[in-house]
PDB file of N, CA and C in Angstrom:
ATOM      1  N   MET A   1      59.727  87.278  87.800  1.00  0.00           N
ATOM      2  CA  MET A   1      59.765  86.413  86.653  1.00  0.00           C
ATOM      3  C   MET A   1      59.189  85.040  86.960  1.00  0.00           C
ATOM      4  N   VAL A   2      59.245  84.625  88.207  1.00  0.00           N
ATOM      5  CA  VAL A   2      58.653  83.339  88.570  1.00  0.00           C
ATOM      6  C   VAL A   2      57.147  83.396  88.322  1.00  0.00           C
ATOM      7  N   TRP A   3      56.529  84.511  88.702  1.00  0.00           N
ATOM      8  CA  TRP A   3      55.091  84.676  88.484  1.00  0.00           C
ATOM      9  C   TRP A   3      54.746  84.545  87.009  1.00  0.00           C
ATOM     10  N   LYS A   4      55.534  85.169  86.153  1.00  0.00           N
ATOM     11  CA  LYS A   4      55.267  85.166  84.714  1.00  0.00           C
ATOM     12  C   LYS A   4      55.337  83.746  84.143  1.00  0.00           C
ATOM     13  N   THR A   5      56.275  82.949  84.626  1.00  0.00           N
ATOM     14  CA  THR A   5      56.423  81.571  84.154  1.00  0.00           C
ATOM     15  C   THR A   5      55.135  80.783  84.353  1.00  0.00           C
ATOM     16  N   TYR A   6      54.513  80.935  85.506  1.00  0.00           N
ATOM     17  CA  TYR A   6      53.334  80.137  85.829  1.00  0.00           C
ATOM     18  C   TYR A   6      52.025  80.820  85.444  1.00  0.00           C
ATOM     19  N   HIS A   7      52.022  82.131  85.324  1.00  0.00           N
ATOM     20  CA  HIS A   7      50.808  82.853  84.948  1.00  0.00           C
ATOM     21  C   HIS A   7      50.438  82.608  83.488  1.00  0.00           C
ATOM     22  N   PHE A   8      51.424  82.584  82.617  1.00  0.00           N
ATOM     23  CA  PHE A   8      51.177  82.455  81.186  1.00  0.00           C
ATOM     24  C   PHE A   8      51.298  81.025  80.664  1.00  0.00           C
ATOM     25  N   SER A   9      51.613  80.057  81.523  1.00  0.00           N
ATOM     26  CA  SER A   9      51.783  78.685  81.057  1.00  0.00           C
ATOM     27  C   SER A   9      51.035  77.698  81.959  1.00  0.00           C
ATOM     28  N   PRO A  10      49.820  77.310  81.562  1.00  0.00           N
ATOM     29  CA  PRO A  10      49.089  76.314  82.351  1.00  0.00           C
ATOM     30  C   PRO A  10      49.843  74.983  82.454  1.00  0.00           C
ATOM     31  N   LYS A  11      50.611  74.641  81.419  1.00  0.00           N
ATOM     32  CA  LYS A  11      51.391  73.400  81.449  1.00  0.00           C
ATOM     33  C   LYS A  11      52.432  73.460  82.565  1.00  0.00           C
ATOM     34  N   SER A  12      53.121  74.586  82.685  1.00  0.00           N
ATOM     35  CA  SER A  12      54.116  74.734  83.750  1.00  0.00           C
ATOM     36  C   SER A  12      53.458  74.676  85.120  1.00  0.00           C
ATOM     37  N   MET A  13      52.277  75.267  85.254  1.00  0.00           N
ATOM     38  CA  MET A  13      51.571  75.233  86.534  1.00  0.00           C
ATOM     39  C   MET A  13      51.159  73.808  86.880  1.00  0.00           C
ATOM     40  N   ARG A  14      50.684  73.029  85.895  1.00  0.00           N
ATOM     41  CA  ARG A  14      50.338  71.618  86.135  1.00  0.00           C
ATOM     42  C   ARG A  14      51.566  70.832  86.575  1.00  0.00           C
ATOM     43  N   GLU A  15      52.696  71.056  85.896  1.00  0.00           N
ATOM     44  CA  GLU A  15      53.928  70.349  86.249  1.00  0.00           C
ATOM     45  C   GLU A  15      54.389  70.725  87.654  1.00  0.00           C
ATOM     46  N   LEU A  16      54.268  72.004  88.009  1.00  0.00           N
ATOM     47  CA  LEU A  16      54.659  72.455  89.347  1.00  0.00           C
ATOM     48  C   LEU A  16      53.779  71.804  90.409  1.00  0.00           C
ATOM     49  N   LYS A  17      52.477  71.740  90.164  1.00  0.00           N
ATOM     50  CA  LYS A  17      51.567  71.109  91.133  1.00  0.00           C
ATOM     51  C   LYS A  17      51.853  69.618  91.270  1.00  0.00           C
ATOM     52  N   ALA A  18      52.189  68.945  90.168  1.00  0.00           N
ATOM     53  CA  ALA A  18      52.532  67.520  90.228  1.00  0.00           C
ATOM     54  C   ALA A  18      53.819  67.314  91.027  1.00  0.00           C
ATOM     55  N   LEU A  19      54.805  68.169  90.808  1.00  0.00           N
ATOM     56  CA  LEU A  19      56.056  68.089  91.564  1.00  0.00           C
ATOM     57  C   LEU A  19      55.803  68.375  93.039  1.00  0.00           C
ATOM     58  N   GLY A  20      54.959  69.357  93.316  1.00  0.00           N
ATOM     59  CA  GLY A  20      54.603  69.671  94.697  1.00  0.00           C
ATOM     60  C   GLY A  20      53.929  68.499  95.385  1.00  0.00           C
ATOM     61  N   ALA A  21      53.061  67.794  94.675  1.00  0.00           N
ATOM     62  CA  ALA A  21      52.396  66.619  95.247  1.00  0.00           C
ATOM     63  C   ALA A  21      53.418  65.537  95.573  1.00  0.00           C
ATOM     64  N   ASP A  22      54.422  65.358  94.714  1.00  0.00           N
ATOM     65  CA  ASP A  22      55.483  64.377  94.977  1.00  0.00           C
ATOM     66  C   ASP A  22      56.304  64.763  96.205  1.00  0.00           C
ATOM     67  N   LEU A  23      56.498  66.065  96.408  1.00  0.00           N
ATOM     68  CA  LEU A  23      57.279  66.548  97.550  1.00  0.00           C
ATOM     69  C   LEU A  23      56.433  66.707  98.812  1.00  0.00           C
ATOM     70  N   GLY A  24      55.120  66.581  98.689  1.00  0.00           N
ATOM     71  CA  GLY A  24      54.238  66.773  99.835  1.00  0.00           C
ATOM     72  C   GLY A  24      53.991  68.238 100.144  1.00  0.00           C
ATOM     73  N   VAL A  25      54.014  69.073  99.116  1.00  0.00           N
ATOM     74  CA  VAL A  25      53.832  70.515  99.279  1.00  0.00           C
ATOM     75  C   VAL A  25      52.530  70.927  98.605  1.00  0.00           C
ATOM     76  N   ASN A  26      51.723  71.699  99.310  1.00  0.00           N
ATOM     77  CA  ASN A  26      50.519  72.266  98.715  1.00  0.00           C
ATOM     78  C   ASN A  26      50.943  73.521  97.955  1.00  0.00           C
ATOM     79  N   VAL A  27      51.134  73.384  96.661  1.00  0.00           N
ATOM     80  CA  VAL A  27      51.640  74.482  95.841  1.00  0.00           C
ATOM     81  C   VAL A  27      50.533  75.492  95.592  1.00  0.00           C
ATOM     82  N   LEU A  28      50.824  76.740  95.897  1.00  0.00           N
ATOM     83  CA  LEU A  28      49.906  77.836  95.635  1.00  0.00           C
ATOM     84  C   LEU A  28      50.372  78.569  94.391  1.00  0.00           C
ATOM     85  N   VAL A  29      49.475  79.283  93.756  1.00  0.00           N
ATOM     86  CA  VAL A  29      49.833  80.035  92.558  1.00  0.00           C
ATOM     87  C   VAL A  29      50.777  81.161  92.967  1.00  0.00           C
ATOM     88  N   PRO A  30      51.989  81.197  92.387  1.00  0.00           N
ATOM     89  CA  PRO A  30      52.907  82.289  92.718  1.00  0.00           C
ATOM     90  C   PRO A  30      52.309  83.629  92.313  1.00  0.00           C
ATOM     91  N   SER A  31      52.483  84.621  93.170  1.00  0.00           N
ATOM     92  CA  SER A  31      51.955  85.946  92.854  1.00  0.00           C
ATOM     93  C   SER A  31      53.102  86.881  92.501  1.00  0.00           C
ATOM     94  N   GLY A  32      52.776  87.911  91.777  1.00  0.00           N
ATOM     95  CA  GLY A  32      53.776  88.906  91.396  1.00  0.00           C
ATOM     96  C   GLY A  32      54.150  89.770  92.582  1.00  0.00           C
ATOM     97  N   VAL A  33      55.431  89.986  92.789  1.00  0.00           N
ATOM     98  CA  VAL A  33      55.894  90.784  93.917  1.00  0.00           C
ATOM     99  C   VAL A  33      56.382  92.151  93.460  1.00  0.00           C
ATOM    100  N   LYS A  34      56.933  92.233  92.274  1.00  0.00           N
ATOM    101  CA  LYS A  34      57.528  93.483  91.812  1.00  0.00           C
ATOM    102  C   LYS A  34      56.513  94.553  91.438  1.00  0.00           C
ATOM    103  N   GLY A  35      55.317  94.167  91.038  1.00  0.00           N
ATOM    104  CA  GLY A  35      54.366  95.120  90.490  1.00  0.00           C
ATOM    105  C   GLY A  35      53.661  95.984  91.511  1.00  0.00           C
ATOM    106  N   THR A  36      53.827  95.718  92.772  1.00  0.00           N
ATOM    107  CA  THR A  36      53.099  96.477  93.780  1.00  0.00           C
ATOM    108  C   THR A  36      54.052  97.004  94.844  1.00  0.00           C
ATOM    109  N   TRP A  37      53.666  98.096  95.405  1.00  0.00           N
ATOM    110  CA  TRP A  37      54.460  98.674  96.494  1.00  0.00           C
ATOM    111  C   TRP A  37      53.753  98.498  97.829  1.00  0.00           C
ATOM    112  N   TRP A  38      52.631  97.818  97.818  1.00  0.00           N
ATOM    113  CA  TRP A  38      51.879  97.636  99.041  1.00  0.00           C
ATOM    114  C   TRP A  38      52.575  96.576  99.888  1.00  0.00           C
ATOM    115  N   LEU A  39      53.165  96.980 100.989  1.00  0.00           N
ATOM    116  CA  LEU A  39      54.018  96.111 101.795  1.00  0.00           C
ATOM    117  C   LEU A  39      53.331  94.834 102.283  1.00  0.00           C
ATOM    118  N   PRO A  40      52.092  94.872 102.784  1.00  0.00           N
ATOM    119  CA  PRO A  40      51.471  93.613 103.213  1.00  0.00           C
ATOM    120  C   PRO A  40      51.327  92.594 102.081  1.00  0.00           C
ATOM    121  N   HIS A  41      51.069  93.066 100.863  1.00  0.00           N
ATOM    122  CA  HIS A  41      50.951  92.156  99.722  1.00  0.00           C
ATOM    123  C   HIS A  41      52.289  91.478  99.437  1.00  0.00           C
ATOM    124  N   VAL A  42      53.344  92.257  99.438  1.00  0.00           N
ATOM    125  CA  VAL A  42      54.685  91.720  99.188  1.00  0.00           C
ATOM    126  C   VAL A  42      55.074  90.748 100.298  1.00  0.00           C
ATOM    127  N   SER A  43      54.795  91.130 101.535  1.00  0.00           N
ATOM    128  CA  SER A  43      55.128  90.278 102.675  1.00  0.00           C
ATOM    129  C   SER A  43      54.395  88.939 102.600  1.00  0.00           C
ATOM    130  N   ARG A  44      53.111  88.964 102.276  1.00  0.00           N
ATOM    131  CA  ARG A  44      52.327  87.728 102.177  1.00  0.00           C
ATOM    132  C   ARG A  44      52.847  86.830 101.059  1.00  0.00           C
ATOM    133  N   ALA A  45      53.199  87.434  99.932  1.00  0.00           N
ATOM    134  CA  ALA A  45      53.714  86.653  98.804  1.00  0.00           C
ATOM    135  C   ALA A  45      55.033  85.976  99.171  1.00  0.00           C
ATOM    136  N   LEU A  46      55.918  86.693  99.837  1.00  0.00           N
ATOM    137  CA  LEU A  46      57.209  86.114 100.215  1.00  0.00           C
ATOM    138  C   LEU A  46      57.066  85.062 101.308  1.00  0.00           C
ATOM    139  N   GLU A  47      56.180  85.289 102.279  1.00  0.00           N
ATOM    140  CA  GLU A  47      55.960  84.293 103.328  1.00  0.00           C
ATOM    141  C   GLU A  47      55.421  82.989 102.743  1.00  0.00           C
ATOM    142  N   THR A  48      54.522  83.096 101.788  1.00  0.00           N
ATOM    143  CA  THR A  48      53.982  81.905 101.127  1.00  0.00           C
ATOM    144  C   THR A  48      55.081  81.168 100.378  1.00  0.00           C
ATOM    145  N   PHE A  49      55.948  81.920  99.742  1.00  0.00           N
ATOM    146  CA  PHE A  49      57.006  81.338  98.923  1.00  0.00           C
ATOM    147  C   PHE A  49      58.031  80.583  99.758  1.00  0.00           C
ATOM    148  N   VAL A  50      58.360  81.076 100.949  1.00  0.00           N
ATOM    149  CA  VAL A  50      59.424  80.457 101.744  1.00  0.00           C
ATOM    150  C   VAL A  50      58.903  79.582 102.885  1.00  0.00           C
ATOM    151  N   LYS A  51      57.580  79.493 103.076  1.00  0.00           N
ATOM    152  CA  LYS A  51      57.024  78.691 104.162  1.00  0.00           C
ATOM    153  C   LYS A  51      57.294  77.209 103.922  1.00  0.00           C
ATOM    154  N   PRO A  52      57.871  76.504 104.907  1.00  0.00           N
ATOM    155  CA  PRO A  52      58.141  75.075 104.710  1.00  0.00           C
ATOM    156  C   PRO A  52      56.858  74.254 104.771  1.00  0.00           C
ATOM    157  N   GLY A  53      56.894  73.122 104.087  1.00  0.00           N
ATOM    158  CA  GLY A  53      55.773  72.182 104.109  1.00  0.00           C
ATOM    159  C   GLY A  53      56.182  70.945 104.880  1.00  0.00           C
ATOM    160  N   LYS A  54      55.635  69.797 104.501  1.00  0.00           N
ATOM    161  CA  LYS A  54      56.024  68.536 105.130  1.00  0.00           C
ATOM    162  C   LYS A  54      57.479  68.230 104.787  1.00  0.00           C
ATOM    163  N   ASP A  55      58.188  67.615 105.715  1.00  0.00           N
ATOM    164  CA  ASP A  55      59.576  67.190 105.504  1.00  0.00           C
ATOM    165  C   ASP A  55      60.491  68.341 105.085  1.00  0.00           C
ATOM    166  N   ASP A  56      60.201  69.554 105.530  1.00  0.00           N
ATOM    167  CA  ASP A  56      61.003  70.749 105.238  1.00  0.00           C
ATOM    168  C   ASP A  56      61.053  71.126 103.764  1.00  0.00           C
ATOM    169  N   HIS A  57      60.236  70.506 102.926  1.00  0.00           N
ATOM    170  CA  HIS A  57      60.132  70.934 101.536  1.00  0.00           C
ATOM    171  C   HIS A  57      59.016  71.957 101.481  1.00  0.00           C
ATOM    172  N   GLY A  58      59.310  73.103 100.929  1.00  0.00           N
ATOM    173  CA  GLY A  58      58.288  74.136 100.803  1.00  0.00           C
ATOM    174  C   GLY A  58      58.068  74.498  99.355  1.00  0.00           C
ATOM    175  N   GLN A  59      57.297  75.541  99.161  1.00  0.00           N
ATOM    176  CA  GLN A  59      56.997  75.992  97.808  1.00  0.00           C
ATOM    177  C   GLN A  59      58.282  76.407  97.092  1.00  0.00           C
ATOM    178  N   PHE A  60      59.219  76.996  97.815  1.00  0.00           N
ATOM    179  CA  PHE A  60      60.485  77.401  97.204  1.00  0.00           C
ATOM    180  C   PHE A  60      61.193  76.199  96.589  1.00  0.00           C
ATOM    181  N   THR A  61      61.223  75.078  97.313  1.00  0.00           N
ATOM    182  CA  THR A  61      61.880  73.866  96.819  1.00  0.00           C
ATOM    183  C   THR A  61      61.218  73.366  95.546  1.00  0.00           C
ATOM    184  N   ALA A  62      59.888  73.357  95.535  1.00  0.00           N
ATOM    185  CA  ALA A  62      59.162  72.891  94.350  1.00  0.00           C
ATOM    186  C   ALA A  62      59.432  73.797  93.154  1.00  0.00           C
ATOM    187  N   VAL A  63      59.390  75.106  93.363  1.00  0.00           N
ATOM    188  CA  VAL A  63      59.631  76.056  92.266  1.00  0.00           C
ATOM    189  C   VAL A  63      61.064  75.934  91.767  1.00  0.00           C
ATOM    190  N   TYR A  64      62.017  75.827  92.687  1.00  0.00           N
ATOM    191  CA  TYR A  64      63.427  75.719  92.296  1.00  0.00           C
ATOM    192  C   TYR A  64      63.665  74.458  91.461  1.00  0.00           C
ATOM    193  N   CYS A  65      63.130  73.329  91.910  1.00  0.00           N
ATOM    194  CA  CYS A  65      63.300  72.070  91.167  1.00  0.00           C
ATOM    195  C   CYS A  65      62.645  72.143  89.795  1.00  0.00           C
ATOM    196  N   HIS A  66      61.471  72.750  89.724  1.00  0.00           N
ATOM    197  CA  HIS A  66      60.774  72.829  88.439  1.00  0.00           C
ATOM    198  C   HIS A  66      61.504  73.758  87.475  1.00  0.00           C
ATOM    199  N   ILE A  67      61.983  74.891  87.945  1.00  0.00           N
ATOM    200  CA  ILE A  67      62.707  75.811  87.062  1.00  0.00           C
ATOM    201  C   ILE A  67      64.029  75.190  86.620  1.00  0.00           C
ATOM    202  N   ASP A  68      64.668  74.423  87.506  1.00  0.00           N
ATOM    203  CA  ASP A  68      65.887  73.708  87.124  1.00  0.00           C
ATOM    204  C   ASP A  68      65.580  72.720  86.000  1.00  0.00           C
ATOM    205  N   HIS A  69      64.463  72.022  86.108  1.00  0.00           N
ATOM    206  CA  HIS A  69      64.041  71.090  85.055  1.00  0.00           C
ATOM    207  C   HIS A  69      63.778  71.837  83.746  1.00  0.00           C
ATOM    208  N   LEU A  70      63.078  72.968  83.818  1.00  0.00           N
ATOM    209  CA  LEU A  70      62.784  73.750  82.611  1.00  0.00           C
ATOM    210  C   LEU A  70      64.060  74.260  81.948  1.00  0.00           C
ATOM    211  N   ALA A  71      65.021  74.692  82.755  1.00  0.00           N
ATOM    212  CA  ALA A  71      66.273  75.220  82.205  1.00  0.00           C
ATOM    213  C   ALA A  71      67.059  74.135  81.483  1.00  0.00           C
ATOM    214  N   GLY A  72      67.004  72.919  81.982  1.00  0.00           N
ATOM    215  CA  GLY A  72      67.764  71.838  81.366  1.00  0.00           C
ATOM    216  C   GLY A  72      67.073  71.156  80.209  1.00  0.00           C
ATOM    217  N   SER A  73      65.747  71.176  80.201  1.00  0.00           N
ATOM    218  CA  SER A  73      65.031  70.402  79.188  1.00  0.00           C
ATOM    219  C   SER A  73      64.440  71.235  78.054  1.00  0.00           C
ATOM    220  N   SER A  74      64.502  72.536  78.152  1.00  0.00           N
ATOM    221  CA  SER A  74      63.889  73.383  77.124  1.00  0.00           C
ATOM    222  C   SER A  74      64.724  73.392  75.849  1.00  0.00           C
ATOM    223  N   VAL A  75      64.055  73.223  74.707  1.00  0.00           N
ATOM    224  CA  VAL A  75      64.751  73.268  73.421  1.00  0.00           C
ATOM    225  C   VAL A  75      64.803  74.695  72.876  1.00  0.00           C
ATOM    226  N   ASN A  76      63.973  75.575  73.403  1.00  0.00           N
ATOM    227  CA  ASN A  76      63.960  76.970  72.991  1.00  0.00           C
ATOM    228  C   ASN A  76      65.035  77.718  73.778  1.00  0.00           C
ATOM    229  N   ALA A  77      65.996  78.315  73.085  1.00  0.00           N
ATOM    230  CA  ALA A  77      67.116  78.987  73.743  1.00  0.00           C
ATOM    231  C   ALA A  77      66.657  80.161  74.597  1.00  0.00           C
ATOM    232  N   ASP A  78      65.633  80.888  74.163  1.00  0.00           N
ATOM    233  CA  ASP A  78      65.138  82.022  74.942  1.00  0.00           C
ATOM    234  C   ASP A  78      64.566  81.566  76.278  1.00  0.00           C
ATOM    235  N   ILE A  79      63.781  80.500  76.248  1.00  0.00           N
ATOM    236  CA  ILE A  79      63.176  79.988  77.475  1.00  0.00           C
ATOM    237  C   ILE A  79      64.247  79.407  78.391  1.00  0.00           C
ATOM    238  N   ALA A  80      65.178  78.644  77.828  1.00  0.00           N
ATOM    239  CA  ALA A  80      66.251  78.060  78.636  1.00  0.00           C
ATOM    240  C   ALA A  80      67.082  79.156  79.291  1.00  0.00           C
ATOM    241  N   GLY A  81      67.406  80.203  78.545  1.00  0.00           N
ATOM    242  CA  GLY A  81      68.188  81.306  79.105  1.00  0.00           C
ATOM    243  C   GLY A  81      67.441  82.030  80.202  1.00  0.00           C
ATOM    244  N   SER A  82      66.145  82.242  80.005  1.00  0.00           N
ATOM    245  CA  SER A  82      65.317  82.897  81.014  1.00  0.00           C
ATOM    246  C   SER A  82      65.260  82.063  82.288  1.00  0.00           C
ATOM    247  N   GLN A  83      65.110  80.759  82.139  1.00  0.00           N
ATOM    248  CA  GLN A  83      65.037  79.879  83.302  1.00  0.00           C
ATOM    249  C   GLN A  83      66.378  79.813  84.031  1.00  0.00           C
ATOM    250  N   LYS A  84      67.480  79.841  83.286  1.00  0.00           N
ATOM    251  CA  LYS A  84      68.801  79.845  83.923  1.00  0.00           C
ATOM    252  C   LYS A  84      69.007  81.125  84.715  1.00  0.00           C
ATOM    253  N   ALA A  85      68.521  82.254  84.192  1.00  0.00           N
ATOM    254  CA  ALA A  85      68.611  83.522  84.922  1.00  0.00           C
ATOM    255  C   ALA A  85      67.776  83.456  86.201  1.00  0.00           C
ATOM    256  N   GLN A  86      66.602  82.837  86.119  1.00  0.00           N
ATOM    257  CA  GLN A  86      65.772  82.681  87.311  1.00  0.00           C
ATOM    258  C   GLN A  86      66.453  81.784  88.335  1.00  0.00           C
ATOM    259  N   LEU A  87      67.119  80.729  87.870  1.00  0.00           N
ATOM    260  CA  LEU A  87      67.850  79.848  88.789  1.00  0.00           C
ATOM    261  C   LEU A  87      68.944  80.606  89.519  1.00  0.00           C
ATOM    262  N   THR A  88      69.637  81.470  88.794  1.00  0.00           N
ATOM    263  CA  THR A  88      70.686  82.275  89.417  1.00  0.00           C
ATOM    264  C   THR A  88      70.095  83.161  90.505  1.00  0.00           C
ATOM    265  N   CYS A  89      68.965  83.801  90.206  1.00  0.00           N
ATOM    266  CA  CYS A  89      68.288  84.653  91.191  1.00  0.00           C
ATOM    267  C   CYS A  89      67.854  83.845  92.409  1.00  0.00           C
ATOM    268  N   LEU A  90      67.227  82.697  92.158  1.00  0.00           N
ATOM    269  CA  LEU A  90      66.765  81.860  93.259  1.00  0.00           C
ATOM    270  C   LEU A  90      67.941  81.309  94.059  1.00  0.00           C
ATOM    271  N   GLY A  91      69.034  80.972  93.374  1.00  0.00           N
ATOM    272  CA  GLY A  91      70.227  80.494  94.068  1.00  0.00           C
ATOM    273  C   GLY A  91      70.823  81.563  94.966  1.00  0.00           C
ATOM    274  N   ASN A  92      70.797  82.805  94.511  1.00  0.00           N
ATOM    275  CA  ASN A  92      71.279  83.913  95.338  1.00  0.00           C
ATOM    276  C   ASN A  92      70.390  84.109  96.555  1.00  0.00           C
ATOM    277  N   PHE A  93      69.114  83.798  96.419  1.00  0.00           N
ATOM    278  CA  PHE A  93      68.176  83.915  97.527  1.00  0.00           C
ATOM    279  C   PHE A  93      68.529  82.928  98.639  1.00  0.00           C
ATOM    280  N   LEU A  94      69.101  81.779  98.268  1.00  0.00           N
ATOM    281  CA  LEU A  94      69.472  80.766  99.257  1.00  0.00           C
ATOM    282  C   LEU A  94      70.619  81.215 100.147  1.00  0.00           C
ATOM    283  N   HIS A  95      71.500  82.047  99.609  1.00  0.00           N
ATOM    284  CA  HIS A  95      72.706  82.420 100.357  1.00  0.00           C
ATOM    285  C   HIS A  95      72.541  83.705 101.054  1.00  0.00           C
TER     286      HIS A  95
END
């Protein structure tokens, strides 16, 4: 679902890149992980997602902060609910 957020919304991708620049992270375009069974593709996507950047902030931190912002600021209930579900998933990934 993270891929879908940024694939279909250039505005969200611009905001993510701006947040990444503030954090000192070179944000890459998130790729879809669920759609393929090819293990090297999945492995590369996950390594990119969790690789730390400067000051221990990585792409995961930028995506988490941006989705948290989207969940809190969205006026559309469907989008806010979707972002809250993504936050729950990402939060579970931390533990």
